[in-house]
N, C-alpha and C. Protein backbone atom coordinates (compact mmCIF):
# COMPACT_ATOMS: atom_id res chain seq x y z
N MET A 1 42.13 -47.80 -23.69
CA MET A 1 41.96 -46.49 -24.27
C MET A 1 40.70 -46.39 -25.11
N GLU A 2 40.26 -47.52 -25.68
CA GLU A 2 39.09 -47.44 -26.54
C GLU A 2 37.83 -47.06 -25.77
N ASN A 3 37.84 -47.15 -24.42
CA ASN A 3 36.69 -46.78 -23.62
C ASN A 3 36.63 -45.28 -23.33
N LEU A 4 37.66 -44.55 -23.73
CA LEU A 4 37.70 -43.11 -23.50
C LEU A 4 37.05 -42.40 -24.68
N SER A 5 35.77 -42.61 -24.85
CA SER A 5 35.06 -42.14 -26.05
C SER A 5 35.04 -40.63 -26.20
N ASN A 6 35.25 -39.86 -25.14
CA ASN A 6 35.25 -38.41 -25.23
C ASN A 6 36.65 -37.81 -25.36
N LEU A 7 37.66 -38.67 -25.52
CA LEU A 7 39.03 -38.19 -25.66
C LEU A 7 39.14 -37.31 -26.90
N GLU A 8 39.74 -36.13 -26.75
CA GLU A 8 39.85 -35.18 -27.86
C GLU A 8 41.28 -35.04 -28.38
N TRP A 9 42.27 -35.40 -27.58
CA TRP A 9 43.66 -35.15 -27.94
C TRP A 9 44.50 -36.33 -27.47
N LEU A 10 45.28 -36.92 -28.38
CA LEU A 10 46.11 -38.08 -28.03
C LEU A 10 47.48 -37.93 -28.66
N ASP A 11 48.51 -37.78 -27.83
CA ASP A 11 49.88 -37.67 -28.30
C ASP A 11 50.70 -38.79 -27.67
N LEU A 12 51.02 -39.79 -28.48
CA LEU A 12 51.85 -40.92 -28.04
C LEU A 12 53.15 -40.95 -28.83
N SER A 13 53.60 -39.80 -29.28
CA SER A 13 54.79 -39.71 -30.11
C SER A 13 56.05 -40.07 -29.32
N SER A 14 57.03 -40.61 -30.04
CA SER A 14 58.35 -40.94 -29.49
C SER A 14 58.28 -41.86 -28.28
N ASN A 15 57.38 -42.81 -28.29
CA ASN A 15 57.21 -43.72 -27.16
C ASN A 15 57.60 -45.16 -27.48
N GLU A 16 58.25 -45.41 -28.61
CA GLU A 16 58.69 -46.75 -28.98
C GLU A 16 57.55 -47.76 -29.02
N LEU A 17 56.37 -47.32 -29.44
CA LEU A 17 55.23 -48.24 -29.58
C LEU A 17 55.50 -49.18 -30.74
N VAL A 18 55.13 -50.43 -30.57
CA VAL A 18 55.30 -51.43 -31.63
C VAL A 18 53.97 -52.12 -31.88
N GLY A 19 53.84 -52.69 -33.07
CA GLY A 19 52.63 -53.45 -33.41
C GLY A 19 51.68 -52.64 -34.24
N LYS A 20 50.43 -53.07 -34.24
CA LYS A 20 49.40 -52.45 -35.06
C LYS A 20 48.59 -51.46 -34.24
N ILE A 21 48.03 -50.49 -34.93
CA ILE A 21 47.12 -49.55 -34.28
C ILE A 21 45.79 -50.30 -34.10
N PRO A 22 45.31 -50.43 -32.88
CA PRO A 22 44.07 -51.17 -32.64
C PRO A 22 42.88 -50.54 -33.36
N TRP A 23 42.10 -51.34 -34.03
CA TRP A 23 40.93 -50.83 -34.76
C TRP A 23 39.92 -50.21 -33.81
N GLN A 24 39.94 -50.62 -32.53
CA GLN A 24 39.00 -50.07 -31.55
C GLN A 24 39.19 -48.57 -31.37
N LEU A 25 40.44 -48.10 -31.52
CA LEU A 25 40.68 -46.66 -31.37
C LEU A 25 39.91 -45.89 -32.44
N ALA A 26 39.99 -46.34 -33.67
CA ALA A 26 39.30 -45.65 -34.76
C ALA A 26 37.79 -45.76 -34.62
N ALA A 27 37.31 -46.88 -34.11
CA ALA A 27 35.87 -47.10 -34.00
C ALA A 27 35.25 -46.34 -32.83
N ASN A 28 35.99 -46.20 -31.74
CA ASN A 28 35.39 -45.68 -30.51
C ASN A 28 35.77 -44.25 -30.14
N LEU A 29 36.89 -43.74 -30.63
CA LEU A 29 37.31 -42.39 -30.26
C LEU A 29 36.72 -41.38 -31.24
N LYS A 30 35.44 -41.13 -31.12
CA LYS A 30 34.72 -40.31 -32.09
C LYS A 30 34.87 -38.82 -31.87
N GLN A 31 35.44 -38.41 -30.75
CA GLN A 31 35.66 -36.99 -30.46
C GLN A 31 37.10 -36.58 -30.72
N LEU A 32 37.95 -37.52 -31.11
CA LEU A 32 39.37 -37.26 -31.25
C LEU A 32 39.64 -36.24 -32.35
N GLY A 33 40.24 -35.12 -31.98
CA GLY A 33 40.55 -34.07 -32.93
C GLY A 33 42.02 -33.98 -33.27
N PHE A 34 42.87 -34.58 -32.44
CA PHE A 34 44.31 -34.53 -32.65
C PHE A 34 44.90 -35.89 -32.32
N LEU A 35 45.75 -36.39 -33.21
CA LEU A 35 46.43 -37.67 -33.01
C LEU A 35 47.88 -37.52 -33.43
N ASN A 36 48.80 -37.94 -32.56
CA ASN A 36 50.22 -37.91 -32.90
C ASN A 36 50.85 -39.23 -32.48
N LEU A 37 51.20 -40.05 -33.47
CA LEU A 37 51.87 -41.32 -33.23
C LEU A 37 53.27 -41.29 -33.85
N TYR A 38 53.80 -40.11 -34.03
CA TYR A 38 55.08 -39.86 -34.69
C TYR A 38 56.23 -40.60 -34.00
N ILE A 39 57.13 -41.11 -34.78
CA ILE A 39 58.36 -41.78 -34.34
C ILE A 39 58.08 -42.95 -33.39
N SER A 40 57.57 -44.02 -33.93
CA SER A 40 57.40 -45.27 -33.21
C SER A 40 57.73 -46.40 -34.17
N LYS A 41 57.33 -47.58 -33.85
CA LYS A 41 57.58 -48.75 -34.70
C LYS A 41 56.29 -49.46 -35.03
N LEU A 42 55.27 -48.66 -35.34
CA LEU A 42 53.95 -49.22 -35.65
C LEU A 42 53.96 -49.79 -37.06
N GLU A 43 53.09 -50.79 -37.28
CA GLU A 43 53.05 -51.46 -38.57
C GLU A 43 51.63 -51.87 -38.90
N GLY A 44 51.43 -52.24 -40.16
CA GLY A 44 50.13 -52.73 -40.60
C GLY A 44 49.24 -51.60 -41.08
N PRO A 45 47.99 -51.94 -41.41
CA PRO A 45 47.07 -50.94 -41.94
C PRO A 45 46.61 -49.95 -40.88
N ILE A 46 46.49 -48.70 -41.30
CA ILE A 46 45.94 -47.67 -40.43
C ILE A 46 44.42 -47.86 -40.42
N PRO A 47 43.82 -48.01 -39.23
CA PRO A 47 42.37 -48.23 -39.18
C PRO A 47 41.60 -47.02 -39.73
N LEU A 48 40.48 -47.29 -40.33
CA LEU A 48 39.61 -46.23 -40.82
C LEU A 48 38.49 -46.00 -39.83
N GLY A 49 38.09 -44.76 -39.69
CA GLY A 49 37.01 -44.41 -38.79
C GLY A 49 36.66 -42.95 -38.95
N PRO A 50 35.55 -42.51 -38.36
CA PRO A 50 35.09 -41.13 -38.56
C PRO A 50 36.18 -40.09 -38.29
N GLN A 51 36.89 -40.21 -37.20
CA GLN A 51 37.93 -39.24 -36.88
C GLN A 51 39.27 -39.61 -37.53
N PHE A 52 39.61 -40.88 -37.55
CA PHE A 52 40.88 -41.30 -38.12
C PHE A 52 40.99 -40.91 -39.59
N ASN A 53 39.89 -40.82 -40.30
CA ASN A 53 39.90 -40.44 -41.70
C ASN A 53 40.25 -38.97 -41.89
N THR A 54 40.25 -38.18 -40.81
CA THR A 54 40.55 -36.75 -40.92
C THR A 54 42.02 -36.44 -40.65
N PHE A 55 42.78 -37.39 -40.12
CA PHE A 55 44.17 -37.13 -39.76
C PHE A 55 45.07 -37.17 -40.99
N LYS A 56 46.07 -36.32 -40.99
CA LYS A 56 47.02 -36.23 -42.10
C LYS A 56 48.18 -37.19 -41.88
N GLU A 57 48.99 -37.34 -42.91
CA GLU A 57 50.13 -38.25 -42.88
C GLU A 57 51.10 -37.94 -41.74
N ASP A 58 51.25 -36.67 -41.37
CA ASP A 58 52.21 -36.33 -40.33
C ASP A 58 51.81 -36.87 -38.95
N SER A 59 50.57 -37.28 -38.75
CA SER A 59 50.17 -37.92 -37.49
C SER A 59 50.87 -39.26 -37.29
N TYR A 60 51.32 -39.87 -38.40
CA TYR A 60 51.90 -41.21 -38.38
C TYR A 60 53.37 -41.22 -38.79
N GLY A 61 54.00 -40.06 -38.88
CA GLY A 61 55.36 -39.94 -39.40
C GLY A 61 56.37 -40.86 -38.73
N TRP A 62 57.31 -41.35 -39.50
CA TRP A 62 58.41 -42.21 -39.07
C TRP A 62 57.94 -43.53 -38.47
N ASN A 63 56.81 -44.02 -38.92
CA ASN A 63 56.34 -45.37 -38.64
C ASN A 63 56.36 -46.09 -39.98
N LEU A 64 57.53 -46.56 -40.37
CA LEU A 64 57.74 -47.05 -41.72
C LEU A 64 56.95 -48.31 -42.05
N GLY A 65 56.41 -48.99 -41.06
CA GLY A 65 55.65 -50.21 -41.30
C GLY A 65 54.16 -49.98 -41.51
N LEU A 66 53.70 -48.72 -41.35
CA LEU A 66 52.29 -48.44 -41.53
C LEU A 66 51.93 -48.33 -43.00
N CYS A 67 50.69 -48.69 -43.32
CA CYS A 67 50.23 -48.59 -44.70
C CYS A 67 48.77 -48.18 -44.72
N GLY A 68 48.31 -47.74 -45.88
CA GLY A 68 46.93 -47.30 -46.04
C GLY A 68 46.78 -45.81 -45.87
N PHE A 69 45.55 -45.34 -46.03
CA PHE A 69 45.26 -43.91 -45.92
C PHE A 69 45.64 -43.41 -44.54
N PRO A 70 46.31 -42.29 -44.40
CA PRO A 70 46.72 -41.31 -45.39
C PRO A 70 48.18 -41.41 -45.81
N VAL A 71 48.89 -42.46 -45.42
CA VAL A 71 50.30 -42.56 -45.81
C VAL A 71 50.42 -43.02 -47.25
N TRP A 72 51.55 -42.80 -47.83
CA TRP A 72 51.75 -43.08 -49.26
C TRP A 72 51.86 -44.57 -49.55
N LYS A 73 52.16 -45.39 -48.56
CA LYS A 73 52.37 -46.83 -48.77
C LYS A 73 51.04 -47.57 -48.74
N SER A 74 50.75 -48.32 -49.81
CA SER A 74 49.49 -49.07 -49.84
C SER A 74 49.68 -50.43 -49.16
N CYS A 75 48.60 -50.97 -48.63
CA CYS A 75 48.62 -52.28 -47.98
C CYS A 75 48.42 -53.35 -49.05
N SER A 76 49.19 -54.40 -48.97
CA SER A 76 49.13 -55.44 -50.01
C SER A 76 47.79 -56.15 -50.06
N SER A 77 47.13 -56.33 -48.91
CA SER A 77 45.86 -57.05 -48.93
C SER A 77 44.68 -56.13 -48.67
N GLY A 78 44.91 -54.83 -48.70
CA GLY A 78 43.82 -53.87 -48.57
C GLY A 78 43.09 -53.97 -47.25
N GLY A 79 41.82 -53.58 -47.26
CA GLY A 79 41.00 -53.56 -46.05
C GLY A 79 40.69 -54.93 -45.52
N ALA A 80 40.82 -55.98 -46.33
CA ALA A 80 40.49 -57.33 -45.87
C ALA A 80 41.37 -57.73 -44.70
N GLN A 81 42.64 -57.36 -44.74
CA GLN A 81 43.55 -57.70 -43.65
C GLN A 81 43.11 -57.01 -42.36
N GLN A 82 42.70 -55.76 -42.47
CA GLN A 82 42.26 -55.02 -41.30
C GLN A 82 41.10 -55.73 -40.63
N GLU A 83 40.14 -56.20 -41.39
CA GLU A 83 39.00 -56.91 -40.82
C GLU A 83 39.41 -58.23 -40.18
N CYS A 84 40.30 -58.98 -40.82
CA CYS A 84 40.71 -60.28 -40.31
C CYS A 84 41.51 -60.17 -39.02
N ASP A 85 42.19 -59.04 -38.82
CA ASP A 85 43.05 -58.89 -37.67
C ASP A 85 42.32 -58.45 -36.41
N HIS A 86 41.03 -58.09 -36.50
CA HIS A 86 40.32 -57.58 -35.34
C HIS A 86 40.37 -58.54 -34.15
N ASP A 87 40.10 -59.80 -34.37
CA ASP A 87 40.10 -60.76 -33.26
C ASP A 87 41.48 -60.91 -32.66
N LYS A 88 42.51 -60.99 -33.49
CA LYS A 88 43.87 -61.15 -32.98
C LYS A 88 44.27 -59.92 -32.16
N GLU A 89 43.94 -58.71 -32.65
CA GLU A 89 44.28 -57.49 -31.92
C GLU A 89 43.58 -57.47 -30.58
N HIS A 90 42.35 -57.95 -30.52
CA HIS A 90 41.61 -57.97 -29.26
C HIS A 90 42.32 -58.88 -28.26
N ARG A 91 42.82 -60.03 -28.72
CA ARG A 91 43.54 -60.95 -27.84
C ARG A 91 44.87 -60.37 -27.40
N ASP A 92 45.56 -59.68 -28.32
CA ASP A 92 46.89 -59.17 -28.03
C ASP A 92 46.86 -57.88 -27.22
N GLY A 93 45.72 -57.24 -27.11
CA GLY A 93 45.62 -55.98 -26.39
C GLY A 93 46.04 -54.82 -27.26
N LEU A 94 46.27 -53.67 -26.63
CA LEU A 94 46.65 -52.48 -27.36
C LEU A 94 48.13 -52.52 -27.69
N PHE A 95 48.68 -51.39 -28.00
CA PHE A 95 50.07 -51.28 -28.42
C PHE A 95 51.02 -52.04 -27.51
N GLY A 96 52.11 -52.50 -28.07
CA GLY A 96 53.21 -53.02 -27.28
C GLY A 96 54.19 -51.90 -27.06
N ILE A 97 55.04 -52.03 -26.09
CA ILE A 97 56.08 -51.04 -25.86
C ILE A 97 57.42 -51.73 -25.92
N TYR A 98 58.28 -51.20 -26.75
CA TYR A 98 59.61 -51.77 -26.93
C TYR A 98 60.57 -51.09 -25.99
N SER A 99 61.36 -51.86 -25.31
CA SER A 99 62.34 -51.28 -24.42
C SER A 99 63.70 -51.93 -24.63
N THR A 100 64.73 -51.11 -24.64
CA THR A 100 66.08 -51.64 -24.80
C THR A 100 66.70 -51.95 -23.45
N PHE A 101 66.00 -51.60 -22.38
CA PHE A 101 66.51 -51.88 -21.04
C PHE A 101 66.13 -53.30 -20.62
N GLN A 102 67.05 -54.03 -20.06
CA GLN A 102 66.80 -55.41 -19.63
C GLN A 102 66.82 -55.50 -18.12
């Protein structure tokens, strides 16, 4: 998804996404005007970027593990954790998807 640099609208709400929001999304999706990650199981710091800094808290609603701007929960290690996790996120790929079906 990070290669879709002209993407303007992204709605991944209610998709049982797990893990961290990849920093590449914030860095590369510079045309993104709408983001909806509502009702998932995302965690960790919300990446900062030109467009990501414009989204309100409701873009991330019901992701109780998320922290940082614009949600009310602060990250314990601040921006340093976000920087340290870049390599791990690159290895792990983008979001995971949780499924209850076996």
